[in-house]
Protein backbone atom coordinates (compact mmCIF):
# COMPACT_ATOMS: atom_id res chain seq x y z
CA MET A 1 -31.01 -51.90 28.75
CA LYS A 2 -33.64 -50.75 26.27
CA LEU A 3 -37.04 -49.62 27.40
CA PHE A 4 -39.49 -51.34 25.06
CA TRP A 5 -42.75 -49.55 24.33
CA SER A 6 -45.25 -49.47 21.60
CA LYS A 7 -45.34 -46.55 19.16
CA ALA A 8 -48.80 -45.66 20.33
CA GLN A 9 -47.33 -44.72 23.75
CA TYR A 10 -45.55 -41.75 22.16
CA LEU A 11 -48.10 -40.70 19.62
CA PRO A 12 -49.88 -37.44 20.48
CA SER A 13 -53.15 -37.27 22.28
CA LEU A 14 -55.20 -34.14 22.96
CA SER A 15 -54.06 -34.03 26.59
CA SER A 16 -50.36 -34.60 25.82
CA CYS A 17 -50.11 -32.17 22.90
CA CYS A 18 -51.85 -29.31 24.66
CA PRO A 19 -51.35 -28.09 28.22
CA GLU A 20 -54.46 -28.10 30.40
CA SER A 21 -54.69 -24.35 30.20
CA CYS A 22 -54.92 -24.56 26.38
CA LEU A 23 -57.64 -27.15 26.47
CA CYS A 24 -59.73 -25.14 28.85
CA SER A 25 -59.65 -22.15 26.49
CA CYS A 26 -60.00 -23.94 23.15
CA ARG A 27 -63.64 -22.89 23.05
CA LEU A 28 -64.02 -20.10 20.58
CA ARG A 29 -65.50 -16.65 21.41
CA ASP A 30 -69.28 -16.82 22.12
CA GLY A 31 -69.02 -20.58 22.06
CA ARG A 32 -69.13 -20.63 18.26
CA ILE A 33 -66.63 -21.39 15.50
CA PRO A 34 -65.63 -18.01 14.02
CA THR A 35 -66.09 -17.20 10.40
CA GLU A 36 -63.67 -15.24 8.28
CA ASP A 37 -63.64 -14.07 4.70
CA GLN A 38 -60.66 -15.87 3.17
CA GLY A 39 -60.26 -13.48 0.25
CA GLN A 40 -62.44 -15.57 -2.04
CA GLY A 41 -65.80 -14.05 -1.17
CA ARG A 42 -66.86 -16.96 1.04
CA ALA A 43 -67.02 -17.52 4.80
CA MET A 44 -65.02 -20.45 6.07
CA GLU A 45 -65.23 -22.12 9.48
CA MET A 46 -62.23 -22.64 11.76
CA ASN A 47 -62.27 -26.02 13.44
CA PRO A 48 -60.40 -25.69 16.80
CA LEU A 49 -58.86 -29.12 16.31
CA GLU A 50 -57.45 -28.07 12.95
CA SER A 51 -56.44 -24.51 13.86
CA GLY A 52 -53.60 -25.08 16.30
CA ILE A 53 -53.66 -24.44 20.01
CA TYR A 54 -50.76 -22.62 21.71
CA SER A 55 -50.27 -21.04 25.13
CA ILE A 56 -48.60 -17.59 25.08
CA SER A 57 -45.47 -19.15 26.58
CA GLU A 58 -45.30 -21.72 23.73
CA ALA A 59 -45.83 -18.95 21.15
CA ALA A 60 -43.06 -16.86 22.77
CA HIS A 61 -40.65 -19.80 22.52
CA TYR A 62 -41.44 -20.54 18.90
CA ALA A 63 -41.25 -16.84 17.92
CA HIS A 64 -38.09 -16.27 20.04
CA ALA A 65 -39.82 -13.36 21.65
CA PRO A 66 -40.21 -12.30 25.30
CA TYR A 67 -43.21 -13.75 27.00
CA GLN A 68 -44.31 -10.41 28.39
CA ARG A 69 -44.25 -8.87 24.86
CA LEU A 70 -46.55 -11.44 23.35
CA TYR A 71 -48.79 -11.45 26.46
CA ALA A 72 -49.20 -7.70 26.00
CA TRP A 73 -49.94 -8.02 22.28
CA PHE A 74 -52.87 -10.30 23.06
CA GLY A 75 -54.19 -8.30 26.06
CA LYS A 76 -57.40 -6.36 26.26
CA GLY A 77 -57.31 -3.41 23.86
CA ALA A 78 -53.95 -4.55 22.49
CA LEU A 79 -52.79 -5.28 18.91
CA PHE A 80 -54.31 -8.72 18.57
CA ARG A 81 -57.39 -10.53 19.73
CA SER A 82 -57.12 -14.28 19.99
CA ASP A 83 -59.38 -16.62 18.04
CA TYR A 84 -60.10 -18.40 21.28
CA ALA A 85 -62.09 -17.19 24.25
CA GLU A 86 -60.22 -15.99 27.28
CA THR A 87 -60.35 -18.00 30.59
CA ASP A 88 -59.14 -17.45 34.08
CA ILE A 89 -56.22 -19.80 33.50
CA GLU A 90 -54.07 -18.77 30.59
CA LYS A 91 -54.58 -17.22 27.16
CA SER A 92 -54.55 -19.58 24.16
CA ILE A 93 -54.07 -18.56 20.55
CA SER A 94 -54.53 -20.23 17.15
CA PHE A 95 -51.95 -20.93 14.40
CA LEU A 96 -53.05 -17.76 12.55
CA ASP A 97 -52.76 -15.76 15.76
CA LEU A 98 -49.20 -17.15 16.12
CA ILE A 99 -48.24 -16.28 12.54
CA ASP A 100 -49.58 -12.73 12.99
CA ALA A 101 -47.32 -12.38 16.07
CA VAL A 102 -44.31 -14.00 14.31
CA VAL A 103 -44.65 -11.60 11.36
CA VAL A 104 -44.79 -8.60 13.67
CA CYS A 105 -41.68 -9.81 15.43
CA ARG A 106 -39.95 -9.89 12.02
CA PHE A 107 -41.24 -6.44 11.16
CA ARG A 108 -39.74 -5.06 14.43
CA GLU A 109 -36.43 -6.78 13.75
CA ASN A 110 -36.32 -5.01 10.38
CA GLY A 111 -36.77 -1.60 11.90
CA ILE A 112 -40.50 -1.10 11.56
CA SER A 113 -41.93 1.00 14.38
CA MET A 114 -44.76 -0.39 16.53
CA GLN A 115 -46.88 2.68 15.71
CA TYR A 116 -46.57 1.91 12.00
CA VAL A 117 -47.30 -1.78 12.61
CA ARG A 118 -50.49 -0.94 14.41
CA LYS A 119 -51.68 1.41 11.62
CA ALA A 120 -50.79 -1.20 8.96
CA PHE A 121 -52.60 -3.99 10.87
CA GLU A 122 -55.81 -1.93 11.16
CA ALA A 123 -55.67 -0.77 7.53
CA LEU A 124 -55.06 -4.25 6.20
CA GLN A 125 -57.87 -5.72 8.31
CA ALA A 126 -60.26 -3.43 6.51
CA ASP A 127 -58.66 -3.80 3.01
CA LEU A 128 -58.42 -7.57 3.15
CA ASN A 129 -61.56 -8.12 5.21
CA THR A 130 -59.84 -10.45 7.61
CA ALA A 131 -58.90 -10.68 11.31
CA HIS A 132 -55.47 -11.98 10.32
CA PRO A 133 -54.02 -9.59 7.73
CA PHE A 134 -50.37 -10.42 8.54
CA CYS A 135 -51.00 -14.06 7.66
CA TYR A 136 -51.40 -13.18 3.99
CA GLU A 137 -48.68 -13.97 1.49
CA GLY A 138 -46.53 -11.30 -0.17
CA PHE A 139 -45.20 -9.00 2.60
CA PHE A 140 -41.94 -7.20 2.15
CA THR A 141 -40.07 -4.51 4.13
CA GLY A 142 -37.73 -1.64 3.36
CA SER A 143 -36.94 1.88 4.56
CA GLY A 144 -39.01 1.43 7.72
CA GLU A 145 -42.18 0.60 5.77
CA ILE A 146 -44.28 -2.54 4.95
CA TYR A 147 -45.19 -3.48 1.39
CA ILE A 148 -47.57 -6.11 0.01
CA LYS A 149 -47.53 -7.71 -3.40
CA CYS A 150 -50.84 -8.19 -5.12
CA ARG A 151 -51.35 -9.04 -8.80
CA GLU A 152 -47.66 -8.44 -9.55
CA THR A 153 -47.87 -4.92 -8.04
CA LEU A 154 -45.85 -4.06 -4.94
CA SER A 155 -47.33 -1.21 -2.90
CA GLU A 156 -46.81 0.41 0.51
CA VAL A 157 -49.65 -0.74 2.77
CA LEU A 158 -50.71 2.72 4.10
CA SER A 159 -50.25 5.06 1.09
CA GLY A 160 -50.75 2.52 -1.70
CA GLN A 161 -47.71 3.94 -3.55
CA VAL A 162 -46.16 1.46 -5.98
CA TYR A 163 -42.49 0.44 -5.62
CA ASP A 164 -39.84 -1.54 -7.45
CA GLU A 165 -39.59 -5.00 -5.96
CA GLN A 166 -35.87 -5.11 -6.51
CA VAL A 167 -35.20 -2.57 -3.75
CA ILE A 168 -37.30 -4.44 -1.17
CA SER A 169 -36.12 -7.50 0.81
CA GLN A 170 -38.35 -10.55 1.40
CA TYR A 171 -37.76 -12.52 4.58
CA LEU A 172 -40.76 -14.71 5.27
CA GLU A 173 -39.61 -17.67 3.17
CA THR A 174 -40.13 -20.16 6.05
CA ILE A 175 -43.90 -19.57 6.00
CA GLU A 176 -45.94 -21.50 3.44
CA TYR A 177 -49.32 -20.26 2.12
CA ASP A 178 -52.46 -21.79 0.67
CA SER A 179 -52.51 -21.24 -3.06
CA GLU A 180 -56.22 -20.24 -3.07
CA THR A 181 -56.69 -18.16 0.14
CA ARG A 182 -53.04 -16.86 0.32
CA LEU A 183 -53.27 -17.40 4.06
CA ALA A 184 -50.41 -19.07 6.03
CA ASN A 185 -50.99 -22.81 6.45
CA ARG A 186 -47.54 -24.11 7.49
CA TRP A 187 -44.48 -22.73 9.20
CA ARG A 188 -41.09 -24.37 8.60
CA ILE A 189 -39.83 -23.33 12.00
CA ALA A 190 -36.49 -25.16 11.55
CA GLN A 191 -34.79 -27.48 9.06
CA GLY A 192 -36.89 -30.61 8.81
CA ILE A 193 -39.43 -29.33 11.36
CA VAL A 194 -42.83 -27.83 10.62
CA LEU A 195 -45.84 -26.42 12.45
CA ASP A 196 -49.08 -27.45 10.72
CA PRO A 197 -52.34 -26.57 12.41
CA GLY A 198 -53.94 -29.68 11.12
CA ILE A 199 -51.33 -31.99 12.64
CA ALA A 200 -50.82 -32.69 16.35
CA PHE A 201 -52.79 -29.48 17.26
CA GLY A 202 -50.08 -27.38 15.55
CA LYS A 203 -47.16 -28.64 17.70
CA PRO A 204 -43.81 -29.09 15.99
CA VAL A 205 -43.59 -32.28 14.01
CA LEU A 206 -40.99 -33.93 11.78
CA ASP A 207 -41.62 -32.89 8.19
CA SER A 208 -43.60 -35.34 6.07
CA THR A 209 -44.78 -37.19 9.21
CA ARG A 210 -47.32 -36.66 11.94
CA ILE A 211 -44.79 -37.37 14.71
CA PRO A 212 -44.23 -34.51 17.25
CA THR A 213 -40.57 -33.70 17.90
CA TYR A 214 -41.08 -33.93 21.68
CA ALA A 215 -42.20 -37.61 21.32
CA LEU A 216 -39.10 -38.53 19.39
CA ALA A 217 -36.82 -36.61 21.81
CA ARG A 218 -38.40 -38.34 24.84
CA ALA A 219 -38.04 -41.76 23.22
CA TYR A 220 -34.42 -40.98 22.37
CA TYR A 221 -33.44 -40.10 25.93
CA ALA A 222 -35.61 -42.91 27.44
CA ASN A 223 -33.62 -45.42 25.41
CA GLY A 224 -30.05 -44.55 26.10
CA ARG A 225 -29.77 -41.94 23.34
CA ASP A 226 -30.05 -44.74 20.74
CA GLU A 227 -31.34 -42.97 17.63
CA GLY A 228 -31.17 -46.21 15.65
CA PHE A 229 -33.56 -47.96 18.00
CA VAL A 230 -36.00 -45.09 17.97
CA ALA A 231 -35.75 -44.83 14.21
CA ASP A 232 -36.61 -48.51 13.84
CA VAL A 233 -39.70 -48.18 16.07
CA TYR A 234 -41.06 -45.15 14.07
CA GLU A 235 -39.81 -46.39 10.75
CA LEU A 236 -37.59 -43.32 10.30
CA LYS A 237 -33.96 -42.63 9.49
CA PRO A 238 -31.62 -42.08 12.48
CA ASN A 239 -30.93 -38.59 11.18
CA ASP A 240 -34.69 -37.76 11.42
CA VAL A 241 -34.59 -38.73 15.09
CA LEU A 242 -31.50 -36.52 15.72
CA CYS A 243 -33.15 -33.60 13.86
CA ALA A 244 -36.08 -33.70 16.28
CA VAL A 245 -33.73 -34.07 19.27
CA ARG A 246 -31.68 -31.01 18.17
CA PHE A 247 -34.79 -28.97 17.69
CA GLU A 248 -36.13 -29.77 21.14
CA GLY A 249 -32.73 -29.03 22.66
CA GLU A 250 -32.57 -25.66 20.93
CA LEU A 251 -36.13 -24.98 22.05
CA HIS A 252 -35.28 -25.73 25.68
CA GLN A 253 -32.25 -23.44 25.48
CA VAL A 254 -34.52 -20.63 24.38
CA LYS A 255 -36.87 -21.35 27.32
CA ARG A 256 -33.95 -21.29 29.77
CA ALA A 257 -32.64 -17.98 28.30
CA ALA A 258 -36.11 -16.50 28.69
């Protein structure tokens, strides 16, 4: 028997997209919206409802990293400082915070030492005049070092020495960047699935829609695993529903492994 419900029942709300701990800490530091130089000589405001809201546990699952590692990276005196104020419940981070952490995870996977990462992060904060230097487009790695491409020139981030792009490997293709600011604005976390800070508070959604993957997965299991029925309700293709279900299944496998 099918469970009939309106599409609105499964569309995201603030309370369903974000755990209570995230909502409690979505106030920015000092109660204000932070400003940041976006590389164009102008200050831009971050709207909390358009900047993504994630708990550390969510971020760890998305980045495929241990919870304790990310928690330590956002601790007092640690590598990162969240865009959101700390509370007594749980830390919350923004989309740009998440991308910073994801990029560091990829650096570590490619043999970059944590000591080098820290030095590069601090140097780039000053050079790029931003709190989120690893969210910029154009990073490469090679020989235990980090390189950044600017105006067709590839240089090592600490020494500034210029290198040949052909000997460096690029590996951040799944992150999309704003053409003007060069800051990350979308993450294609899996095939057909994206994280967009302006949609569903940054939760995973089906590409080209505003439908969270968890909503499609819940509807799928609530209706006898009938992807055709769910697809009709949401005006999607059955394969789109199955794509969301597979992603949520893989995400839960990561959670259980952690």
